[in-house]
C-alpha atoms as a PDB file:
ATOM      1  CA  MET A   1      61.471  10.410  -8.412  1.00  0.00           C
ATOM      2  CA  THR A   2      60.751  10.843 -12.037  1.00  0.00           C
ATOM      3  CA  SER A   3      63.653   8.967 -12.917  1.00  0.00           C
ATOM      4  CA  THR A   4      62.451   5.910 -10.462  1.00  0.00           C
ATOM      5  CA  VAL A   5      58.567   5.911 -11.979  1.00  0.00           C
ATOM      6  CA  ALA A   6      60.974   5.992 -15.346  1.00  0.00           C
ATOM      7  CA  GLN A   7      62.492   2.877 -14.471  1.00  0.00           C
ATOM      8  CA  GLU A   8      59.587   0.976 -13.063  1.00  0.00           C
ATOM      9  CA  ALA A   9      57.757   1.914 -16.396  1.00  0.00           C
ATOM     10  CA  SER A  10      60.176   0.159 -18.536  1.00  0.00           C
ATOM     11  CA  LEU A  11      60.953  -2.309 -16.442  1.00  0.00           C
ATOM     12  CA  GLN A  12      57.383  -3.445 -16.280  1.00  0.00           C
ATOM     13  CA  LYS A  13      56.990  -3.345 -19.973  1.00  0.00           C
ATOM     14  CA  THR A  14      60.436  -5.655 -19.960  1.00  0.00           C
ATOM     15  CA  ILE A  15      58.626  -7.748 -17.220  1.00  0.00           C
ATOM     16  CA  ALA A  16      55.421  -7.942 -19.325  1.00  0.00           C
ATOM     17  CA  ASN A  17      57.228  -9.124 -22.364  1.00  0.00           C
ATOM     18  CA  SER A  18      59.064 -12.072 -20.321  1.00  0.00           C
ATOM     19  CA  ASN A  19      58.418 -15.748 -20.558  1.00  0.00           C
ATOM     20  CA  ALA A  20      56.754 -16.734 -17.194  1.00  0.00           C
ATOM     21  CA  ASN A  21      56.965 -20.241 -17.858  1.00  0.00           C
ATOM     22  CA  VAL A  22      60.489 -20.121 -17.750  1.00  0.00           C
ATOM     23  CA  GLY A  23      60.210 -17.893 -14.255  1.00  0.00           C
ATOM     24  CA  LYS A  24      57.477 -20.676 -13.078  1.00  0.00           C
ATOM     25  CA  ARG A  25      60.510 -23.625 -13.235  1.00  0.00           C
ATOM     26  CA  TYR A  26      63.324 -21.053 -11.628  1.00  0.00           C
ATOM     27  CA  ALA A  27      60.411 -20.539  -8.964  1.00  0.00           C
ATOM     28  CA  LEU A  28      61.148 -23.762  -7.683  1.00  0.00           C
ATOM     29  CA  ARG A  29      64.094 -22.540  -6.398  1.00  0.00           C
ATOM     30  CA  CYS A  30      62.360 -20.454  -4.322  1.00  0.00           C
ATOM     31  CA  LYS A  31      60.672 -23.376  -2.833  1.00  0.00           C
ATOM     32  CA  ALA A  32      63.724 -24.322  -0.768  1.00  0.00           C
ATOM     33  CA  CYS A  33      62.859 -21.403   1.707  1.00  0.00           C
ATOM     34  CA  HIS A  34      59.677 -20.119   0.805  1.00  0.00           C
ATOM     35  CA  THR A  35      55.936 -21.252   0.072  1.00  0.00           C
ATOM     36  CA  LEU A  36      54.390 -19.703  -3.188  1.00  0.00           C
ATOM     37  CA  ASN A  37      50.442 -20.590  -2.845  1.00  0.00           C
ATOM     38  CA  LYS A  38      47.736 -18.629  -1.589  1.00  0.00           C
ATOM     39  CA  GLY A  39      47.726 -18.756   2.177  1.00  0.00           C
ATOM     40  CA  GLY A  40      50.922 -20.932   2.424  1.00  0.00           C
ATOM     41  CA  ALA A  41      52.836 -21.007   5.643  1.00  0.00           C
ATOM     42  CA  ASN A  42      55.818 -18.777   6.124  1.00  0.00           C
ATOM     43  CA  ARG A  43      59.509 -21.168   6.206  1.00  0.00           C
ATOM     44  CA  LEU A  44      62.434 -19.774   6.580  1.00  0.00           C
ATOM     45  CA  GLY A  45      61.514 -16.987   4.765  1.00  0.00           C
ATOM     46  CA  PRO A  46      58.209 -15.350   3.833  1.00  0.00           C
ATOM     47  CA  ASN A  47      55.363 -17.467   1.713  1.00  0.00           C
ATOM     48  CA  LEU A  48      55.654 -15.171  -1.480  1.00  0.00           C
ATOM     49  CA  TRP A  49      52.138 -15.065  -2.926  1.00  0.00           C
ATOM     50  CA  GLY A  50      51.431 -11.354  -3.159  1.00  0.00           C
ATOM     51  CA  ILE A  51      55.212 -10.165  -3.200  1.00  0.00           C
ATOM     52  CA  VAL A  52      55.220  -7.950  -6.001  1.00  0.00           C
ATOM     53  CA  GLY A  53      54.145  -4.645  -4.283  1.00  0.00           C
ATOM     54  CA  ARG A  54      54.708  -6.142  -0.775  1.00  0.00           C
ATOM     55  CA  LYS A  55      56.303  -3.874   2.154  1.00  0.00           C
ATOM     56  CA  GLN A  56      59.441  -5.277   2.739  1.00  0.00           C
ATOM     57  CA  ALA A  57      60.198  -7.068   5.661  1.00  0.00           C
ATOM     58  CA  SER A  58      56.311  -6.815   6.567  1.00  0.00           C
ATOM     59  CA  THR A  59      55.382 -10.599   6.610  1.00  0.00           C
ATOM     60  CA  LYS A  60      54.193 -11.511  10.476  1.00  0.00           C
ATOM     61  CA  GLY A  61      55.897 -14.434  12.329  1.00  0.00           C
ATOM     62  CA  VAL A  62      58.951 -14.175   9.890  1.00  0.00           C
ATOM     63  CA  LYS A  63      62.142 -13.693  11.994  1.00  0.00           C
ATOM     64  CA  TYR A  64      63.797 -11.242   9.389  1.00  0.00           C
ATOM     65  CA  SER A  65      67.939 -10.734  10.016  1.00  0.00           C
ATOM     66  CA  LYS A  66      69.044  -7.387  10.888  1.00  0.00           C
ATOM     67  CA  ALA A  67      69.546  -6.772   6.641  1.00  0.00           C
ATOM     68  CA  PHE A  68      66.161  -6.916   5.961  1.00  0.00           C
ATOM     69  CA  LYS A  69      64.677  -5.381   8.894  1.00  0.00           C
ATOM     70  CA  GLY A  70      66.731  -2.422   7.504  1.00  0.00           C
ATOM     71  CA  LEU A  71      65.047  -2.256   4.388  1.00  0.00           C
ATOM     72  CA  LYS A  72      62.231   0.508   4.300  1.00  0.00           C
ATOM     73  CA  SER A  73      60.938   0.291   0.586  1.00  0.00           C
ATOM     74  CA  ASN A  74      58.239  -2.273  -1.202  1.00  0.00           C
ATOM     75  CA  TRP A  75      58.926  -5.019  -3.327  1.00  0.00           C
ATOM     76  CA  SER A  76      58.555  -3.290  -6.582  1.00  0.00           C
ATOM     77  CA  LEU A  77      59.431  -4.571  -9.888  1.00  0.00           C
ATOM     78  CA  THR A  78      62.474  -2.474 -10.051  1.00  0.00           C
ATOM     79  CA  GLU A  79      63.471  -3.244  -6.093  1.00  0.00           C
ATOM     80  CA  LEU A  80      63.112  -7.350  -7.037  1.00  0.00           C
ATOM     81  CA  ASP A  81      64.885  -7.330  -9.755  1.00  0.00           C
ATOM     82  CA  LYS A  82      67.844  -5.404  -7.859  1.00  0.00           C
ATOM     83  CA  PHE A  83      67.894  -7.949  -5.209  1.00  0.00           C
ATOM     84  CA  LEU A  84      67.415 -11.125  -7.163  1.00  0.00           C
ATOM     85  CA  ALA A  85      70.222 -10.112  -9.725  1.00  0.00           C
ATOM     86  CA  ASN A  86      72.719 -10.004  -6.057  1.00  0.00           C
ATOM     87  CA  PRO A  87      70.924 -10.812  -2.383  1.00  0.00           C
ATOM     88  CA  ARG A  88      74.147 -10.501  -1.212  1.00  0.00           C
ATOM     89  CA  LYS A  89      74.950  -6.794  -2.422  1.00  0.00           C
ATOM     90  CA  TYR A  90      71.477  -5.665  -2.161  1.00  0.00           C
ATOM     91  CA  ALA A  91      71.110  -6.472   1.580  1.00  0.00           C
ATOM     92  CA  PRO A  92      74.513  -7.118   2.711  1.00  0.00           C
ATOM     93  CA  GLY A  93      74.886  -9.130   5.711  1.00  0.00           C
ATOM     94  CA  ASN A  94      71.412 -11.266   4.858  1.00  0.00           C
ATOM     95  CA  ARG A  95      71.340 -15.029   6.123  1.00  0.00           C
ATOM     96  CA  MET A  96      69.942 -16.516   2.263  1.00  0.00           C
ATOM     97  CA  ALA A  97      71.888 -18.864   0.787  1.00  0.00           C
ATOM     98  CA  PHE A  98      70.644 -18.060  -2.424  1.00  0.00           C
ATOM     99  CA  ALA A  99      73.478 -16.138  -4.882  1.00  0.00           C
ATOM    100  CA  GLY A 100      70.483 -14.764  -7.299  1.00  0.00           C
ATOM    101  CA  VAL A 101      69.816 -15.128 -10.687  1.00  0.00           C
ATOM    102  CA  ARG A 102      72.560 -13.205 -12.777  1.00  0.00           C
ATOM    103  CA  LYS A 103      70.918 -13.867 -16.317  1.00  0.00           C
ATOM    104  CA  ALA A 104      68.863 -11.071 -16.957  1.00  0.00           C
ATOM    105  CA  SER A 105      66.270 -13.180 -18.901  1.00  0.00           C
ATOM    106  CA  GLN A 106      66.011 -15.690 -16.410  1.00  0.00           C
ATOM    107  CA  ARG A 107      65.439 -13.299 -13.527  1.00  0.00           C
ATOM    108  CA  TYR A 108      62.895 -11.490 -15.934  1.00  0.00           C
ATOM    109  CA  GLY A 109      61.097 -14.151 -16.358  1.00  0.00           C
ATOM    110  CA  LEU A 110      61.209 -15.179 -12.690  1.00  0.00           C
ATOM    111  CA  ILE A 111      59.745 -11.505 -11.782  1.00  0.00           C
ATOM    112  CA  ALA A 112      56.868 -12.193 -14.233  1.00  0.00           C
ATOM    113  CA  TYR A 113      56.230 -15.473 -12.606  1.00  0.00           C
ATOM    114  CA  LEU A 114      55.750 -14.095  -9.373  1.00  0.00           C
ATOM    115  CA  ALA A 115      54.067 -11.309 -10.247  1.00  0.00           C
ATOM    116  CA  THR A 116      51.169 -13.962 -11.170  1.00  0.00           C
ATOM    117  CA  LEU A 117      50.849 -14.624  -7.636  1.00  0.00           C
ATOM    118  CA  THR A 118      48.248 -12.455  -6.683  1.00  0.00           C
ATOM    119  CA  ASP A 119      44.492 -12.251  -6.280  1.00  0.00           C
ATOM    120  CA  ALA A 120      44.038  -9.366  -8.767  1.00  0.00           C
ATOM    121  CA  PRO A 121      42.546 -10.780 -12.087  1.00  0.00           C
ATOM    122  CA  PRO A 122      44.765 -10.340 -14.961  1.00  0.00           C
ATOM    123  CA  SER A 123      43.452  -7.664 -17.655  1.00  0.00           C
ATOM    124  CA  THR A 124      42.171  -8.989 -21.102  1.00  0.00           C
ATOM    125  CA  ALA A 125      45.392  -7.639 -22.854  1.00  0.00           C
ATOM    126  CA  LYS A 126      46.999  -9.245 -19.696  1.00  0.00           C
ATOM    127  CA  ALA A 127      45.392 -11.990 -20.513  1.00  0.00           C
ATOM    128  CA  LYS A 128      45.744 -12.085 -24.246  1.00  0.00           C
ATOM    129  CA  GLN A 129      49.723 -11.221 -23.349  1.00  0.00           C
ATOM    130  CA  SER A 130      49.876 -14.331 -21.326  1.00  0.00           C
ATOM    131  CA  THR A 131      48.765 -16.685 -24.327  1.00  0.00           C
ATOM    132  CA  ARG A 132      51.372 -15.142 -26.336  1.00  0.00           C
ATOM    133  CA  ILE A 133      54.099 -16.153 -23.644  1.00  0.00           C
ATOM    134  CA  ALA A 134      52.697 -19.568 -22.949  1.00  0.00           C
ATOM    135  CA  ALA A 135      53.065 -20.341 -26.820  1.00  0.00           C
ATOM    136  CA  ARG A 136      56.724 -19.102 -26.777  1.00  0.00           C
ATOM    137  CA  PRO A 137      59.230 -21.672 -26.517  1.00  0.00           C
ATOM    138  CA  ASP A 138      60.322 -22.257 -23.157  1.00  0.00           C
ATOM    139  CA  GLY A 139      63.986 -22.496 -23.992  1.00  0.00           C
ATOM    140  CA  PRO A 140      66.608 -25.026 -22.029  1.00  0.00           C
ATOM    141  CA  SER A 141      65.204 -25.994 -18.610  1.00  0.00           C
ATOM    142  CA  LEU A 142      67.050 -25.288 -15.460  1.00  0.00           C
ATOM    143  CA  ALA A 143      68.268 -29.282 -15.142  1.00  0.00           C
ATOM    144  CA  ASP A 144      69.453 -29.007 -19.033  1.00  0.00           C
ATOM    145  CA  GLU A 145      71.979 -25.709 -17.959  1.00  0.00           C
ATOM    146  CA  LEU A 146      73.284 -27.574 -15.201  1.00  0.00           C
ATOM    147  CA  LYS A 147      73.686 -30.469 -17.667  1.00  0.00           C
ATOM    148  CA  LEU A 148      72.075 -33.014 -15.267  1.00  0.00           C
ATOM    149  CA  PRO A 149      71.884 -36.647 -16.388  1.00  0.00           C
ATOM    150  CA  ASN A 150      68.109 -37.293 -17.590  1.00  0.00           C
ATOM    151  CA  GLY A 151      65.858 -39.099 -15.179  1.00  0.00           C
ATOM    152  CA  SER A 152      62.897 -38.488 -13.329  1.00  0.00           C
ATOM    153  CA  GLY A 153      63.295 -35.935 -10.665  1.00  0.00           C
ATOM    154  CA  ARG A 154      65.824 -34.016 -12.364  1.00  0.00           C
ATOM    155  CA  GLU A 155      64.559 -30.808 -12.643  1.00  0.00           C
ATOM    156  CA  THR A 156      63.412 -30.659  -8.643  1.00  0.00           C
ATOM    157  CA  VAL A 157      66.808 -31.415  -7.985  1.00  0.00           C
ATOM    158  CA  ALA A 158      68.290 -28.621  -9.993  1.00  0.00           C
ATOM    159  CA  ALA A 159      65.817 -26.639  -8.325  1.00  0.00           C
ATOM    160  CA  ILE A 160      65.833 -27.171  -4.864  1.00  0.00           C
ATOM    161  CA  CYS A 161      69.954 -28.371  -4.586  1.00  0.00           C
ATOM    162  CA  SER A 162      71.068 -25.717  -6.471  1.00  0.00           C
ATOM    163  CA  ALA A 163      69.379 -23.122  -4.303  1.00  0.00           C
ATOM    164  CA  CYS A 164      72.190 -23.310  -1.709  1.00  0.00           C
ATOM    165  CA  HIS A 165      75.029 -25.658  -3.345  1.00  0.00           C
ATOM    166  CA  SER A 166      76.888 -25.746  -6.459  1.00  0.00           C
ATOM    167  CA  LEU A 167      75.684 -29.250  -8.522  1.00  0.00           C
ATOM    168  CA  LYS A 168      79.467 -30.497  -8.510  1.00  0.00           C
ATOM    169  CA  ILE A 169      79.497 -30.312  -4.925  1.00  0.00           C
ATOM    170  CA  VAL A 170      76.497 -32.571  -4.948  1.00  0.00           C
ATOM    171  CA  GLN A 171      77.596 -34.958  -7.420  1.00  0.00           C
ATOM    172  CA  GLN A 172      80.654 -35.666  -5.616  1.00  0.00           C
ATOM    173  CA  GLN A 173      78.791 -37.364  -2.463  1.00  0.00           C
ATOM    174  CA  GLY A 174      78.557 -41.072  -4.360  1.00  0.00           C
ATOM    175  CA  LEU A 175      75.931 -42.166  -1.422  1.00  0.00           C
ATOM    176  CA  ASP A 176      73.413 -45.207  -1.863  1.00  0.00           C
ATOM    177  CA  LYS A 177      69.996 -44.356  -1.197  1.00  0.00           C
ATOM    178  CA  SER A 178      69.260 -44.708   2.255  1.00  0.00           C
ATOM    179  CA  ARG A 179      72.597 -42.423   3.197  1.00  0.00           C
ATOM    180  CA  TRP A 180      71.273 -39.955   0.720  1.00  0.00           C
ATOM    181  CA  ASP A 181      67.649 -40.200   2.595  1.00  0.00           C
ATOM    182  CA  GLU A 182      69.615 -39.949   5.793  1.00  0.00           C
ATOM    183  CA  LEU A 183      71.289 -36.791   4.518  1.00  0.00           C
ATOM    184  CA  MET A 184      67.889 -34.955   3.910  1.00  0.00           C
ATOM    185  CA  ASP A 185      67.004 -35.334   7.582  1.00  0.00           C
ATOM    186  CA  TRP A 186      70.904 -34.036   9.000  1.00  0.00           C
ATOM    187  CA  MET A 187      70.757 -31.261   5.969  1.00  0.00           C
ATOM    188  CA  THR A 188      67.350 -30.083   7.749  1.00  0.00           C
ATOM    189  CA  GLU A 189      68.501 -30.845  11.661  1.00  0.00           C
ATOM    190  CA  LYS A 190      72.059 -29.801  11.685  1.00  0.00           C
ATOM    191  CA  GLN A 191      72.740 -27.311   8.611  1.00  0.00           C
ATOM    192  CA  GLY A 192      69.153 -25.050   8.566  1.00  0.00           C
ATOM    193  CA  MET A 193      67.863 -26.848   5.454  1.00  0.00           C
ATOM    194  CA  PRO A 194      63.632 -26.702   5.375  1.00  0.00           C
ATOM    195  CA  ALA A 195      62.519 -30.227   5.495  1.00  0.00           C
ATOM    196  CA  LEU A 196      61.269 -31.422   2.115  1.00  0.00           C
ATOM    197  CA  SER A 197      57.802 -32.780   1.215  1.00  0.00           C
ATOM    198  CA  ASN A 198      57.386 -36.133   0.887  1.00  0.00           C
ATOM    199  CA  PRO A 199      57.200 -36.072  -2.769  1.00  0.00           C
ATOM    200  CA  ASP A 200      59.850 -33.953  -3.743  1.00  0.00           C
ATOM    201  CA  ARG A 201      61.793 -35.704  -0.798  1.00  0.00           C
ATOM    202  CA  LYS A 202      61.012 -38.906  -3.031  1.00  0.00           C
ATOM    203  CA  LYS A 203      62.105 -37.481  -6.140  1.00  0.00           C
ATOM    204  CA  VAL A 204      65.509 -36.070  -5.116  1.00  0.00           C
ATOM    205  CA  VAL A 205      66.611 -39.303  -3.270  1.00  0.00           C
ATOM    206  CA  ASN A 206      65.776 -41.203  -5.997  1.00  0.00           C
ATOM    207  CA  TYR A 207      66.902 -39.338  -8.731  1.00  0.00           C
ATOM    208  CA  LEU A 208      70.574 -38.852  -6.673  1.00  0.00           C
ATOM    209  CA  ALA A 209      70.870 -42.739  -5.660  1.00  0.00           C
ATOM    210  CA  SER A 210      70.509 -43.159  -9.577  1.00  0.00           C
ATOM    211  CA  ASN A 211      72.660 -40.821 -10.516  1.00  0.00           C
ATOM    212  CA  TYR A 212      75.046 -39.580  -7.996  1.00  0.00           C
ATOM    213  CA  GLY A 213      75.309 -42.932  -6.134  1.00  0.00           C
ATOM    214  CA  PRO A 214      78.270 -45.531  -5.053  1.00  0.00           C
ATOM    215  CA  GLN A 215      78.486 -46.712  -8.526  1.00  0.00           C
ATOM    216  CA  SER A 216      78.745 -42.928 -10.186  1.00  0.00           C
ATOM    217  CA  ARG A 217      82.636 -41.735 -11.281  1.00  0.00           C
ATOM    218  CA  SER A 218      81.833 -37.997 -10.954  1.00  0.00           C
ATOM    219  CA  ARG A 219      84.032 -37.897  -7.431  1.00  0.00           C
ATOM    220  CA  ARG A 220      86.933 -38.435  -9.519  1.00  0.00           C
ATOM    221  CA  ILE A 221      86.240 -36.010 -11.759  1.00  0.00           C
ATOM    222  CA  ASN A 222      88.424 -33.513  -9.223  1.00  0.00           C
ATOM    223  CA  PRO A 223      89.735 -34.699  -5.737  1.00  0.00           C
ATOM    224  CA  MET A 224      90.706 -31.678  -4.448  1.00  0.00           C
ATOM    225  CA  SER A 225      86.995 -30.186  -5.503  1.00  0.00           C
ATOM    226  CA  PRO A 226      85.095 -28.948  -2.036  1.00  0.00           C
ATOM    227  CA  MET A 227      82.433 -31.408  -0.520  1.00  0.00           C
ATOM    228  CA  MET A 228      79.507 -30.415   1.163  1.00  0.00           C
ATOM    229  CA  PRO A 229      79.424 -30.966   5.054  1.00  0.00           C
ATOM    230  CA  ARG A 230      79.372 -34.704   5.297  1.00  0.00           C
ATOM    231  CA  MET A 231      77.075 -35.968   8.353  1.00  0.00           C
ATOM    232  CA  PRO A 232      78.358 -38.348  10.929  1.00  0.00           C
ATOM    233  CA  LEU A 233      78.886 -42.274   9.770  1.00  0.00           C
ATOM    234  CA  PRO A 234      76.618 -44.479  11.214  1.00  0.00           C
ATOM    235  CA  LYS A 235      77.721 -46.447  14.400  1.00  0.00           C
ATOM    236  CA  SER A 236      78.061 -50.056  13.779  1.00  0.00           C
ATOM    237  CA  PRO A 237      76.115 -52.114  16.530  1.00  0.00           C
ATOM    238  CA  LYS A 238      77.963 -53.271  19.389  1.00  0.00           C
END
């Protein structure tokens, strides 16, 4: 028990000095399956407002897998750190497509941001600390790390698409705007992807059509690379 308390205290200091602004960008990945706002609806996963300290698999209305139903702890900083590092190892057999955040600095930033999703007002010390953190450079964005082309919507695409897919797979599709738009419906109806909000969907479709449309040469990079499941081509009118 003492070791667990010491571990939590040590991690608390680390999280307190991590960049929550970086974590906020990475939290966009969570939006593929979760809402983050207070009172937000459950999606494939539970709403994440107040997640830190919450009892595991306790949100009403969520159909948890057996893997999550078997968890009996609370989402302490330590448990979140273990889970986000490797969700499949933490809860073998869970249905999440999310592979985790292996880079510690990014994971700590994400946990720091999740810790802000609460009604509890920050103390003066924490408020000052937040000001210092906000003033620090954020470093490369997720889209920068994935080396996505510049353009409106690149951060949204980086977050939402990379939550479940390798961007290399997405880059191979070479669809025009109408087909990317149809793919959003198909992924929701046939592949279980949560429906995107209209603003996010518009950003994603426009960005993908502009950078990974028929004109893109990205599919020629490696023709042996795996591809996303392809939706049926529309039938020609008789």
